[in-house]
Amino acid sequence: MDIKQLYYFKEIVDQESISKAALILHIAQPPLSQQLKRLEMELGTTLIHRYRQKWELTETGHILYQYAKKTLLSMEDVKRQIEEIEKGSAGTLRIGVSSACLNLLVDYVSIYRKQFPDVKISIEKGNSEELLKKLDHKEIELALLLRMENSAHCDVLALKEQEYVVVSPRSWGDVFSSEHVTFQDLAEHPFIMLAAMEGHSYYENILKAFQEVQATPNIVMESKDLTTVIAMVSKGLGFSIIPRVAYAVPMDQLKIYELMQFDSRVEPVMIKTKDERISKATSQFWELVDSVQKESNLYGTIEDLDPYN
């Protein structure tokens, strides 16, 4: 069993068809079928059940597929490391970001691009659960998100904590009598809730805060995506409570209020898998963010720290 066989087998499984895989691999179908048969004979097992129109990966086939994916990813990582050394280039920065931290990422990338203009930047957007999976699967090397309770297996670079604020549709006008809003005030209006996510206690903390003042929120909508929540608020469908750091979309259709009676904070963090080698580009980005964070005491002053501005 060699790398070529693993590559062929993975492509067959990904396409769920030998004929489709053959087209992508630019080889004829009969030789590819022979490669699969040789692999099954060598391993002494059936990897794929094939009955006319039906196609099914066997238990041993699934084991080999997972091994093939891991091995080929490792090979790509080795190739990338060698290319970086031989070319002296910084390679590619592969980073994931949650919607709550997109604004932060834009600021940091802006500084980074000025210092490293030849680096390719690949950005994956998703909620915290999705980004952790991408990090585990090595689809990204860094993730910028709100601190989670289940990230002990990661190296963590903590950024400045942020409080929560209330956002309401600008079309509602001055719906609250003061710039400082209480949970009793909020209970009187439709509420769009940032949905519960594994590793975050936001959802439970909000409900507890309402209960403590004997109020019940009128939850009309929930979403795990903060951008969606803000968009719905901007359309006049309700108000919401979001981290102040999340000003990543146009806010001209929203009004911002300070939230009383709520001591919870969120902490943006950048994370990477412990004891995993990261690319030169990723290492440079980590060091840049660390440096900026040490020099900045208040979020919003990142631009002032940009030596290229």
Protein backbone atom coordinates (compact mmCIF):
# COMPACT_ATOMS: atom_id res chain seq x y z
CA MET A 1 0.00 0.00 0.00
CA ASP A 2 1.50 3.32 -1.08
CA ILE A 3 0.56 7.01 -1.11
CA LYS A 4 -0.83 6.82 -4.66
CA GLN A 5 -3.20 4.02 -3.67
CA LEU A 6 -4.39 6.01 -0.65
CA TYR A 7 -4.92 9.06 -2.83
CA TYR A 8 -6.92 7.07 -5.38
CA PHE A 9 -9.00 5.37 -2.68
CA LYS A 10 -9.82 8.68 -0.94
CA GLU A 11 -10.96 10.21 -4.24
CA ILE A 12 -13.19 7.22 -5.00
CA VAL A 13 -14.84 7.55 -1.58
CA ASP A 14 -15.18 11.33 -1.84
CA GLN A 15 -16.88 11.03 -5.23
CA GLU A 16 -18.87 7.92 -4.27
CA SER A 17 -18.15 6.70 -7.78
CA ILE A 18 -15.18 5.13 -9.55
CA SER A 19 -16.16 6.74 -12.84
CA LYS A 20 -16.40 10.24 -11.32
CA ALA A 21 -13.11 9.74 -9.48
CA ALA A 22 -11.45 8.61 -12.72
CA LEU A 23 -12.52 11.85 -14.42
CA ILE A 24 -11.09 13.98 -11.64
CA LEU A 25 -7.87 11.94 -11.49
CA HIS A 26 -7.55 12.05 -15.31
CA ILE A 27 -7.17 8.31 -15.66
CA ALA A 28 -9.32 5.67 -17.30
CA GLN A 29 -11.93 3.89 -15.20
CA PRO A 30 -10.65 0.27 -15.70
CA PRO A 31 -7.14 0.98 -14.30
CA LEU A 32 -8.69 2.77 -11.31
CA SER A 33 -10.98 -0.20 -10.66
CA GLN A 34 -7.91 -2.47 -10.82
CA GLN A 35 -6.12 -0.28 -8.28
CA LEU A 36 -9.05 -0.68 -5.89
CA LYS A 37 -9.11 -4.46 -6.39
CA ARG A 38 -5.35 -4.72 -5.76
CA LEU A 39 -5.73 -2.68 -2.57
CA GLU A 40 -8.53 -4.96 -1.33
CA MET A 41 -6.49 -8.07 -2.15
CA GLU A 42 -3.42 -6.68 -0.38
CA LEU A 43 -5.42 -5.88 2.75
CA GLY A 44 -7.53 -9.02 2.56
CA THR A 45 -10.83 -7.20 2.93
CA THR A 46 -13.67 -5.65 0.99
CA LEU A 47 -13.46 -1.87 1.22
CA ILE A 48 -16.52 -0.93 -0.81
CA HIS A 49 -19.71 -2.89 -1.42
CA ARG A 50 -20.96 -2.31 -4.95
CA TYR A 51 -24.38 -3.55 -6.10
CA ARG A 52 -25.47 -2.08 -9.41
CA GLN A 53 -26.69 1.40 -8.39
CA LYS A 54 -25.87 0.98 -4.71
CA TRP A 55 -22.52 1.97 -3.21
CA GLU A 56 -21.51 1.51 0.43
CA LEU A 57 -18.27 1.91 2.36
CA THR A 58 -17.55 -1.08 4.61
CA GLU A 59 -16.33 -0.84 8.20
CA THR A 60 -12.76 -1.59 7.12
CA GLY A 61 -13.18 0.83 4.23
CA HIS A 62 -14.16 3.57 6.67
CA ILE A 63 -11.04 2.88 8.77
CA LEU A 64 -8.80 3.09 5.69
CA TYR A 65 -10.54 6.26 4.50
CA GLN A 66 -9.88 8.03 7.80
CA TYR A 67 -6.25 6.86 7.69
CA ALA A 68 -5.90 8.06 4.08
CA LYS A 69 -7.25 11.53 4.91
CA LYS A 70 -4.90 11.90 7.88
CA THR A 71 -1.87 10.63 5.96
CA LEU A 72 -2.48 12.83 2.93
CA LEU A 73 -3.00 15.88 5.14
CA SER A 74 0.33 15.15 6.83
CA MET A 75 2.00 14.83 3.44
CA GLU A 76 0.61 18.20 2.38
CA ASP A 77 1.86 19.72 5.62
CA VAL A 78 5.36 18.36 5.02
CA LYS A 79 5.35 19.69 1.44
CA ARG A 80 4.24 23.11 2.66
CA GLN A 81 6.99 23.23 5.30
CA ILE A 82 9.65 22.30 2.74
CA GLU A 83 8.36 24.89 0.25
CA GLU A 84 8.48 27.59 2.93
CA ILE A 85 12.11 26.73 3.73
CA GLU A 86 13.20 26.46 0.08
CA LYS A 87 11.42 29.59 -1.13
CA GLY A 88 11.83 31.62 2.02
CA SER A 89 8.17 32.56 1.73
CA ALA A 90 5.59 32.91 4.48
CA GLY A 91 3.09 30.62 2.77
CA THR A 92 -0.60 30.78 3.69
CA LEU A 93 -2.38 32.05 6.78
CA ARG A 94 -5.40 29.79 7.41
CA ILE A 95 -7.63 31.25 10.09
CA GLY A 96 -11.22 30.83 11.22
CA VAL A 97 -13.35 33.54 12.81
CA SER A 98 -16.71 33.69 14.54
CA SER A 99 -19.13 36.46 13.58
CA ALA A 100 -18.65 38.07 17.02
CA CYS A 101 -14.93 38.56 16.34
CA LEU A 102 -14.99 39.47 12.66
CA ASN A 103 -14.41 43.15 13.42
CA LEU A 104 -11.29 42.29 15.41
CA LEU A 105 -9.96 40.08 12.64
CA VAL A 106 -10.39 42.83 10.05
CA ASP A 107 -8.27 45.18 12.17
CA TYR A 108 -5.50 42.66 12.73
CA VAL A 109 -5.43 41.46 9.11
CA SER A 110 -5.20 45.07 7.94
CA ILE A 111 -1.98 45.54 9.92
CA TYR A 112 -0.66 42.11 8.98
CA ARG A 113 -1.15 42.63 5.24
CA LYS A 114 0.95 45.78 5.32
CA GLN A 115 3.84 43.90 6.91
CA PHE A 116 3.47 40.66 4.92
CA PRO A 117 1.85 41.58 1.56
CA ASP A 118 2.90 38.33 -0.18
CA VAL A 119 1.13 36.04 2.26
CA LYS A 120 -2.07 34.40 1.04
CA ILE A 121 -4.86 34.61 3.62
CA SER A 122 -7.62 32.00 3.78
CA ILE A 123 -10.51 32.86 6.15
CA GLU A 124 -13.21 30.44 7.29
CA LYS A 125 -16.28 31.87 9.04
CA GLY A 126 -18.43 29.84 11.42
CA ASN A 127 -19.70 29.55 14.96
CA SER A 128 -17.38 28.44 17.75
CA GLU A 129 -18.39 24.76 17.55
CA GLU A 130 -17.69 24.65 13.81
CA LEU A 131 -14.34 26.41 14.17
CA LEU A 132 -13.12 23.97 16.84
CA LYS A 133 -13.92 21.07 14.50
CA LYS A 134 -12.07 22.76 11.63
CA LEU A 135 -9.10 23.30 13.94
CA ASP A 136 -9.14 19.63 15.00
CA HIS A 137 -9.33 18.54 11.34
CA LYS A 138 -6.46 20.89 10.42
CA GLU A 139 -8.61 22.82 7.98
CA ILE A 140 -7.46 25.97 9.76
CA GLU A 141 -4.47 26.65 12.03
CA LEU A 142 -5.89 29.50 14.12
CA ALA A 143 -9.35 30.52 15.26
CA LEU A 144 -10.50 33.89 16.57
CA LEU A 145 -13.62 33.47 18.68
CA LEU A 146 -15.13 34.08 22.09
CA ARG A 147 -13.52 32.03 24.87
CA MET A 148 -15.12 28.62 25.30
CA GLU A 149 -15.18 26.37 28.34
CA ASN A 150 -14.03 23.33 26.33
CA SER A 151 -10.82 24.70 24.78
CA ALA A 152 -8.33 23.24 27.29
CA HIS A 153 -6.60 21.32 24.48
CA CYS A 154 -5.65 24.61 22.78
CA ASP A 155 -3.05 27.32 23.25
CA VAL A 156 -4.98 30.50 24.01
CA LEU A 157 -4.07 34.13 23.41
CA ALA A 158 -6.52 36.22 25.44
CA LEU A 159 -7.70 39.60 24.13
CA LYS A 160 -9.53 42.37 25.96
CA GLU A 161 -12.78 41.40 27.67
CA GLN A 162 -15.96 43.03 26.36
CA GLU A 163 -19.26 43.83 28.02
CA TYR A 164 -22.70 43.19 26.55
CA VAL A 165 -24.90 45.93 25.11
CA VAL A 166 -28.50 46.16 23.93
CA VAL A 167 -29.18 46.79 20.23
CA SER A 168 -32.58 47.91 19.01
CA PRO A 169 -33.89 48.93 15.56
CA ARG A 170 -33.26 52.62 14.79
CA SER A 171 -36.74 52.66 13.24
CA TRP A 172 -38.21 52.17 16.72
CA GLY A 173 -36.82 55.55 17.79
CA ASP A 174 -36.13 56.15 21.49
CA VAL A 175 -37.99 53.09 22.67
CA PHE A 176 -36.20 53.15 26.03
CA SER A 177 -36.41 56.21 28.27
CA SER A 178 -32.73 56.04 29.24
CA GLU A 179 -29.42 55.11 27.62
CA HIS A 180 -29.09 52.51 30.39
CA VAL A 181 -31.57 49.66 29.97
CA THR A 182 -32.75 47.11 32.54
CA PHE A 183 -34.04 43.58 32.04
CA GLN A 184 -37.49 44.77 33.14
CA ASP A 185 -37.41 47.23 30.22
CA LEU A 186 -36.40 44.48 27.82
CA ALA A 187 -39.20 42.13 28.85
CA GLU A 188 -41.74 44.51 27.28
CA HIS A 189 -40.42 44.09 23.71
CA PRO A 190 -39.75 41.26 21.18
CA PHE A 191 -36.35 39.68 21.86
CA ILE A 192 -34.06 38.05 19.28
CA MET A 193 -31.79 35.66 21.18
CA LEU A 194 -28.30 34.54 20.28
CA ALA A 195 -28.90 30.78 20.54
CA ALA A 196 -27.18 28.44 22.98
CA MET A 197 -23.85 27.01 21.86
CA GLU A 198 -21.67 24.33 23.37
CA GLY A 199 -18.88 25.82 25.50
CA HIS A 200 -20.65 29.18 26.03
CA SER A 201 -22.87 30.15 28.98
CA TYR A 202 -24.33 33.30 27.38
CA TYR A 203 -27.79 31.81 26.81
CA GLU A 204 -28.17 30.55 30.36
CA ASN A 205 -26.79 33.80 31.85
CA ILE A 206 -29.30 35.92 29.95
CA LEU A 207 -32.26 33.79 31.06
CA LYS A 208 -30.98 33.82 34.64
CA ALA A 209 -30.71 37.62 34.58
CA PHE A 210 -34.36 37.89 33.52
CA GLN A 211 -35.41 35.42 36.25
CA GLU A 212 -33.55 37.36 38.94
CA VAL A 213 -35.73 40.41 38.30
CA GLN A 214 -38.85 38.25 37.89
CA ALA A 215 -39.22 39.10 34.21
CA THR A 216 -39.82 36.84 31.20
CA PRO A 217 -38.21 37.60 27.83
CA ASN A 218 -40.47 37.62 24.78
CA ILE A 219 -38.16 35.50 22.60
CA VAL A 220 -39.44 35.62 19.01
CA MET A 221 -36.36 34.27 17.25
CA GLU A 222 -33.06 32.47 17.93
CA SER A 223 -29.90 32.06 15.86
CA LYS A 224 -26.35 30.90 16.52
CA ASP A 225 -25.06 33.37 13.94
CA LEU A 226 -24.53 36.84 15.37
CA THR A 227 -24.59 38.48 11.94
CA THR A 228 -28.08 37.04 11.40
CA VAL A 229 -29.23 38.31 14.80
CA ILE A 230 -28.00 41.85 14.04
CA ALA A 231 -29.57 41.78 10.57
CA MET A 232 -32.94 40.79 12.05
CA VAL A 233 -32.74 43.57 14.62
CA SER A 234 -31.89 46.11 11.90
CA LYS A 235 -35.08 45.06 10.07
CA GLY A 236 -37.19 46.00 13.10
CA LEU A 237 -38.06 42.46 14.19
CA GLY A 238 -36.93 42.90 17.79
CA PHE A 239 -34.00 43.89 20.00
CA SER A 240 -31.08 41.77 21.15
CA ILE A 241 -28.14 41.62 23.55
CA ILE A 242 -24.74 41.25 21.90
CA PRO A 243 -21.06 41.63 22.86
CA ARG A 244 -19.76 45.16 22.23
CA VAL A 245 -16.89 43.67 20.21
CA ALA A 246 -19.37 42.44 17.60
CA TYR A 247 -19.70 45.68 15.65
CA ALA A 248 -18.70 43.86 12.47
CA VAL A 249 -21.61 44.84 10.26
CA PRO A 250 -23.08 48.24 9.33
CA MET A 251 -24.73 49.60 12.48
CA ASP A 252 -26.50 52.60 10.94
CA GLN A 253 -29.89 50.88 11.33
CA LEU A 254 -29.34 50.17 15.03
CA LYS A 255 -29.34 52.04 18.32
CA ILE A 256 -26.98 50.98 21.11
CA TYR A 257 -27.90 51.02 24.81
CA GLU A 258 -25.85 50.18 27.88
CA LEU A 259 -27.14 47.11 29.73
CA MET A 260 -27.73 47.38 33.47
CA GLN A 261 -27.85 44.52 36.03
CA PHE A 262 -25.57 42.26 33.97
CA ASP A 263 -21.99 41.64 35.03
CA SER A 264 -21.16 38.94 32.49
CA ARG A 265 -18.33 39.64 30.07
CA VAL A 266 -17.06 37.92 26.95
CA GLU A 267 -13.39 37.43 26.18
CA PRO A 268 -12.24 37.24 22.58
CA VAL A 269 -9.38 34.76 22.21
CA MET A 270 -7.19 33.44 19.45
CA ILE A 271 -6.50 29.72 19.73
CA LYS A 272 -4.37 27.05 18.11
CA THR A 273 -3.94 23.36 18.79
CA LYS A 274 -1.32 22.60 21.43
CA ASP A 275 1.97 20.98 20.37
CA GLU A 276 1.11 21.28 16.66
CA ARG A 277 3.58 22.87 14.27
CA ILE A 278 2.08 25.89 12.55
CA SER A 279 3.16 27.57 9.33
CA LYS A 280 5.48 30.54 9.27
CA ALA A 281 2.60 32.78 8.20
CA THR A 282 0.46 31.61 11.12
CA SER A 283 3.30 32.09 13.59
CA GLN A 284 3.85 35.63 12.33
CA PHE A 285 0.16 36.46 12.71
CA TRP A 286 0.05 35.04 16.25
CA GLU A 287 3.09 37.11 17.25
CA LEU A 288 1.64 40.26 15.68
CA VAL A 289 -1.68 39.93 17.53
CA ASP A 290 0.17 39.20 20.77
CA SER A 291 2.32 42.30 20.30
CA VAL A 292 -0.63 44.57 19.50
CA GLN A 293 -2.61 43.20 22.43
CA LYS A 294 0.21 43.93 24.86
CA GLU A 295 0.45 47.52 23.65
CA SER A 296 -3.27 48.21 23.54
CA ASN A 297 -5.32 48.66 26.70
CA LEU A 298 -8.54 49.64 24.97
CA TYR A 299 -10.17 47.98 21.98
CA GLY A 300 -10.57 50.49 19.19
CA THR A 301 -6.99 51.80 19.40
CA ILE A 302 -5.56 49.08 17.16
CA GLU A 303 -5.34 51.51 14.24
CA ASP A 304 -3.24 53.88 16.37
CA LEU A 305 -0.72 51.10 16.88
CA ASP A 306 -0.34 50.44 13.17
CA PRO A 307 3.14 51.69 12.26
CA TYR A 308 2.18 51.67 8.56
CA ASN A 309 -0.78 54.04 8.94
